[in-house]
Amino acid sequence: MEENKQQYLFGMHPVLEAVRSGKKFDKVLLKQGLEGPQFRELLDLLNEKQISYQFVPIERLNRAVRGSHQGVIAYISQIEYVSIEELVNNALATSDAPVFVILDGVSDVRNLGAIARSLECAGGKGIIVPAKGGAAINAEAIKASAGALMRLDTCKVPNLRLAAYYLKQSGFKLIAATEKVDRLLYETDMTGPCAIIMGSEGKGISSSMLELADEKVAIPMSGQISSLNVSVATAVMLYEAVRQRISKK
């Protein structure tokens, strides 16, 4: 399991103290049926600090840790995350027309890493991922990104729709890549501040995110296979933005 490659803490008291002190975690696994005052305090802190958690069978915890985990395992963040406000401020401080990528449910860590690598190569400024329902940003993702995840600003948010709305309010155009439209990516202006929304490998972009998009565009397909891998599709979108910006100079 990919989560075994991450550093972690286990045990109720160590994890509780670490969360209290502000330690950053990717996610916390909790045993199903866990109870008690320390557990309730931990749960309150996880919600307050917007740390992703999941209730799992004890067998999963036993496979991950050899020792007395007491029903709690916390996986330590591999990178430092920024808030959506910091993401926007940092980008606008260094670029008149920054580009972000929003990942709506992309669950494969290798795809996440490849997307981050393409984004950094294309001069993008940051990546936005959901706190739940997306790929873990772990050592494997960082390796697949060739280190790009250590260079980019990464923002993990509890509500992807609210984050996208904040970007709209901050002057960013939201461009959704979807197979469900006839308009091609070459027909939209990508020379200003923009955020490219990419959907999950199986389901695509959620309807709630599609509703927020300023423009919906498709990548033309000429073969019999109807879609690209999401990391390849993201690279195509990003380099259309690069092409337009070079042409504008």
Protein backbone atom coordinates (compact mmCIF):
# COMPACT_ATOMS: atom_id res chain seq x y z
CA MET A 1 0.00 0.00 0.00
CA GLU A 2 1.32 3.43 -0.91
CA GLU A 3 0.57 4.85 2.53
CA ASN A 4 3.16 2.49 4.03
CA LYS A 5 5.85 4.48 2.24
CA GLN A 6 5.01 7.57 4.27
CA GLN A 7 6.29 8.56 7.67
CA TYR A 8 3.67 8.20 10.35
CA LEU A 9 2.85 8.46 14.02
CA PHE A 10 0.63 6.02 15.85
CA GLY A 11 -1.02 5.78 19.22
CA MET A 12 -3.73 8.02 20.63
CA HIS A 13 -1.58 10.22 22.86
CA PRO A 14 1.33 10.86 20.43
CA VAL A 15 -1.05 11.71 17.59
CA LEU A 16 -3.21 13.91 19.79
CA GLU A 17 -0.17 15.85 21.05
CA ALA A 18 1.18 16.24 17.51
CA VAL A 19 -2.12 17.60 16.21
CA ARG A 20 -2.35 19.98 19.18
CA SER A 21 1.15 21.30 18.42
CA GLY A 22 0.30 22.05 14.80
CA LYS A 23 2.04 19.12 13.10
CA LYS A 24 0.87 18.76 9.49
CA PHE A 25 -0.71 15.47 8.45
CA ASP A 26 -1.94 14.19 5.11
CA LYS A 27 -4.54 11.97 6.71
CA VAL A 28 -5.40 10.11 9.89
CA LEU A 29 -6.74 6.56 10.01
CA LEU A 30 -9.11 5.81 12.88
CA LYS A 31 -10.40 2.40 13.95
CA GLN A 32 -14.10 1.90 13.34
CA GLY A 33 -16.04 2.10 16.60
CA LEU A 34 -13.37 4.07 18.47
CA GLU A 35 -14.73 5.87 21.54
CA GLY A 36 -13.63 7.80 24.61
CA PRO A 37 -12.81 11.40 25.63
CA GLN A 38 -9.38 11.47 23.96
CA PHE A 39 -10.89 10.19 20.73
CA ARG A 40 -13.59 12.89 20.83
CA GLU A 41 -10.95 15.57 21.45
CA LEU A 42 -8.86 14.25 18.56
CA LEU A 43 -11.87 14.21 16.25
CA ASP A 44 -12.73 17.81 17.20
CA LEU A 45 -9.14 18.90 16.50
CA LEU A 46 -9.04 17.10 13.14
CA ASN A 47 -12.22 18.89 12.08
CA GLU A 48 -10.99 22.24 13.41
CA LYS A 49 -7.65 21.96 11.60
CA GLN A 50 -9.26 20.49 8.47
CA ILE A 51 -7.13 17.34 8.55
CA SER A 52 -8.52 14.50 6.47
CA TYR A 53 -9.45 11.36 8.41
CA GLN A 54 -11.00 8.00 7.64
CA PHE A 55 -12.60 5.26 9.74
CA VAL A 56 -11.18 1.87 8.77
CA PRO A 57 -11.32 -1.76 9.98
CA ILE A 58 -8.71 -2.69 12.56
CA GLU A 59 -7.16 -5.14 10.09
CA ARG A 60 -5.99 -2.25 7.93
CA LEU A 61 -4.31 -0.60 10.91
CA ASN A 62 -2.67 -3.89 11.90
CA ARG A 63 -1.24 -4.30 8.39
CA ALA A 64 0.21 -0.79 8.43
CA VAL A 65 1.81 -0.80 11.90
CA ARG A 66 3.44 -3.43 14.03
CA GLY A 67 2.82 -2.21 17.54
CA SER A 68 0.16 -0.78 19.79
CA HIS A 69 -1.49 1.75 17.48
CA GLN A 70 -4.53 2.12 19.80
CA GLY A 71 -6.72 2.58 16.76
CA VAL A 72 -4.94 5.70 15.43
CA ILE A 73 -2.33 6.15 12.68
CA ALA A 74 -1.44 9.62 11.34
CA TYR A 75 0.51 10.04 8.09
CA ILE A 76 2.86 13.02 8.11
CA SER A 77 2.66 15.52 5.26
CA GLN A 78 5.55 15.30 2.81
CA ILE A 79 5.23 18.97 1.80
CA GLU A 80 4.13 22.27 3.32
CA TYR A 81 0.68 23.29 2.14
CA VAL A 82 -0.49 26.86 1.62
CA SER A 83 -3.97 28.35 2.03
CA ILE A 84 -5.98 29.43 -1.00
CA GLU A 85 -5.32 33.05 -0.04
CA GLU A 86 -1.56 32.46 0.15
CA LEU A 87 -1.65 30.61 -3.15
CA VAL A 88 -3.25 33.55 -4.95
CA ASN A 89 -1.13 36.21 -3.25
CA ASN A 90 2.13 34.36 -3.91
CA ALA A 91 1.26 33.82 -7.57
CA LEU A 92 0.15 37.39 -8.26
CA ALA A 93 3.29 38.71 -6.57
CA THR A 94 5.46 37.01 -9.20
CA SER A 95 3.27 36.92 -12.32
CA ASP A 96 0.63 39.06 -14.05
CA ALA A 97 -1.04 35.95 -15.46
CA PRO A 98 -0.43 32.92 -13.24
CA VAL A 99 -1.74 29.48 -14.10
CA PHE A 100 -3.08 26.98 -11.57
CA VAL A 101 -4.37 23.45 -11.93
CA ILE A 102 -7.38 22.25 -9.93
CA LEU A 103 -7.64 18.47 -9.57
CA ASP A 104 -11.20 17.27 -9.02
CA GLY A 105 -10.91 13.72 -7.73
CA VAL A 106 -7.68 12.62 -9.46
CA SER A 107 -6.80 9.59 -7.34
CA ASP A 108 -3.65 8.08 -8.86
CA VAL A 109 -0.44 9.36 -7.22
CA ARG A 110 1.60 8.87 -10.39
CA ASN A 111 -0.85 10.97 -12.38
CA LEU A 112 -0.73 13.64 -9.68
CA GLY A 113 3.06 13.66 -9.82
CA ALA A 114 3.15 13.82 -13.62
CA ILE A 115 0.64 16.70 -13.61
CA ALA A 116 2.76 18.64 -11.11
CA ARG A 117 5.84 18.05 -13.27
CA SER A 118 4.10 19.39 -16.39
CA LEU A 119 2.73 22.36 -14.44
CA GLU A 120 6.16 23.34 -13.15
CA CYS A 121 7.75 22.91 -16.59
CA ALA A 122 5.05 25.12 -18.12
CA GLY A 123 5.69 27.89 -15.58
CA GLY A 124 2.55 27.24 -13.55
CA LYS A 125 2.34 28.53 -10.02
CA GLY A 126 0.29 26.11 -7.99
CA ILE A 127 -1.94 23.10 -7.68
CA ILE A 128 -5.21 22.78 -5.76
CA VAL A 129 -6.41 19.41 -4.47
CA PRO A 130 -9.31 18.29 -2.28
CA ALA A 131 -8.66 17.24 1.31
CA LYS A 132 -10.70 14.09 0.68
CA GLY A 133 -11.20 12.02 -2.44
CA GLY A 134 -7.89 12.74 -4.15
CA ALA A 135 -4.46 11.18 -4.47
CA ALA A 136 -2.16 11.31 -1.48
CA ILE A 137 0.80 13.64 -1.84
CA ASN A 138 3.36 11.15 -0.65
CA ALA A 139 6.91 10.13 -1.51
CA GLU A 140 5.74 8.29 -4.62
CA ALA A 141 3.89 11.38 -5.90
CA ILE A 142 6.93 13.57 -5.24
CA LYS A 143 9.17 11.10 -7.09
CA ALA A 144 6.76 10.99 -10.06
CA SER A 145 6.80 14.81 -10.12
CA ALA A 146 10.63 14.84 -10.41
CA GLY A 147 10.58 17.13 -7.37
CA ALA A 148 8.08 19.59 -8.84
CA LEU A 149 5.77 19.18 -5.84
CA MET A 150 8.58 20.60 -3.68
CA ARG A 151 8.75 23.71 -5.87
CA LEU A 152 5.08 24.44 -6.53
CA ASP A 153 2.65 25.94 -4.05
CA THR A 154 0.18 23.21 -3.15
CA CYS A 155 -3.19 23.99 -1.61
CA LYS A 156 -5.34 21.29 -0.02
CA VAL A 157 -8.90 22.44 0.58
CA PRO A 158 -11.94 20.90 2.33
CA ASN A 159 -14.30 22.33 -0.30
CA LEU A 160 -13.05 22.47 -3.89
CA ARG A 161 -16.05 24.49 -5.06
CA LEU A 162 -15.44 27.26 -2.50
CA ALA A 163 -11.77 27.40 -3.50
CA ALA A 164 -12.74 27.70 -7.17
CA TYR A 165 -15.21 30.45 -6.35
CA TYR A 166 -12.47 32.33 -4.48
CA LEU A 167 -10.29 32.13 -7.58
CA LYS A 168 -13.11 33.54 -9.72
CA GLN A 169 -13.53 36.41 -7.28
CA SER A 170 -9.76 37.01 -7.48
CA GLY A 171 -9.87 37.46 -11.25
CA PHE A 172 -8.98 33.97 -12.44
CA LYS A 173 -10.76 32.39 -15.38
CA LEU A 174 -11.84 28.82 -14.65
CA ILE A 175 -11.34 26.56 -17.67
CA ALA A 176 -12.73 23.03 -17.45
CA ALA A 177 -11.34 20.31 -19.69
CA THR A 178 -14.22 18.01 -20.61
CA GLU A 179 -15.22 15.67 -23.42
CA LYS A 180 -18.85 16.83 -23.16
CA VAL A 181 -18.54 19.96 -25.33
CA ASP A 182 -17.68 20.78 -28.94
CA ARG A 183 -15.68 23.93 -28.19
CA LEU A 184 -11.95 23.20 -28.48
CA LEU A 185 -9.22 24.44 -26.16
CA TYR A 186 -7.74 26.49 -29.03
CA GLU A 187 -10.87 28.66 -29.03
CA THR A 188 -10.49 30.05 -25.51
CA ASP A 189 -8.18 32.83 -24.33
CA MET A 190 -5.67 31.43 -21.86
CA THR A 191 -3.32 34.43 -21.74
CA GLY A 192 -4.70 35.89 -18.49
CA PRO A 193 -4.81 34.49 -14.96
CA CYS A 194 -6.49 31.11 -15.20
CA ALA A 195 -7.10 27.85 -13.40
CA ILE A 196 -7.44 24.65 -15.43
CA ILE A 197 -9.86 22.14 -13.92
CA MET A 198 -9.11 18.48 -14.55
CA GLY A 199 -11.40 15.65 -13.51
CA SER A 200 -10.90 12.17 -12.16
CA GLU A 201 -9.67 9.37 -14.38
CA GLY A 202 -13.04 7.62 -14.44
CA LYS A 203 -15.79 10.15 -13.78
CA GLY A 204 -14.34 13.38 -15.12
CA ILE A 205 -15.16 16.76 -13.58
CA SER A 206 -18.06 16.84 -11.12
CA SER A 207 -21.22 18.66 -12.17
CA SER A 208 -20.83 21.22 -9.37
CA MET A 209 -17.37 22.20 -10.62
CA LEU A 210 -18.52 22.27 -14.25
CA GLU A 211 -21.23 24.74 -13.24
CA LEU A 212 -18.59 27.10 -11.84
CA ALA A 213 -16.36 26.98 -14.92
CA ASP A 214 -16.20 30.14 -17.04
CA GLU A 215 -15.40 28.06 -20.10
CA LYS A 216 -15.64 24.36 -20.94
CA VAL A 217 -13.32 23.08 -23.64
CA ALA A 218 -12.36 19.78 -25.23
CA ILE A 219 -9.14 18.34 -26.60
CA PRO A 220 -9.71 17.11 -30.17
CA MET A 221 -9.57 13.34 -30.66
CA SER A 222 -8.98 11.71 -34.04
CA GLY A 223 -8.41 8.08 -33.08
CA GLN A 224 -10.74 5.36 -31.87
CA ILE A 225 -9.80 5.79 -28.19
CA SER A 226 -11.92 8.64 -26.86
CA SER A 227 -9.77 10.07 -24.07
CA LEU A 228 -6.23 10.76 -22.92
CA ASN A 229 -4.68 9.89 -19.60
CA VAL A 230 -5.45 12.80 -17.24
CA SER A 231 -1.77 13.73 -16.83
CA VAL A 232 -1.29 13.87 -20.60
CA ALA A 233 -4.51 15.86 -21.05
CA THR A 234 -3.34 18.35 -18.41
CA ALA A 235 -0.02 18.80 -20.22
CA VAL A 236 -1.89 19.47 -23.49
CA MET A 237 -4.01 22.13 -21.77
CA LEU A 238 -1.00 23.74 -20.09
CA TYR A 239 1.05 23.95 -23.24
CA GLU A 240 -1.79 25.53 -25.16
CA ALA A 241 -1.62 28.28 -22.53
CA VAL A 242 2.16 28.46 -23.06
CA ARG A 243 1.71 28.64 -26.86
CA GLN A 244 -0.82 31.47 -26.58
CA ARG A 245 1.42 33.46 -24.26
CA ILE A 246 4.42 33.08 -26.56
CA SER A 247 2.32 34.12 -29.57
CA LYS A 248 1.06 37.19 -27.71
CA LYS A 249 4.57 38.56 -27.10
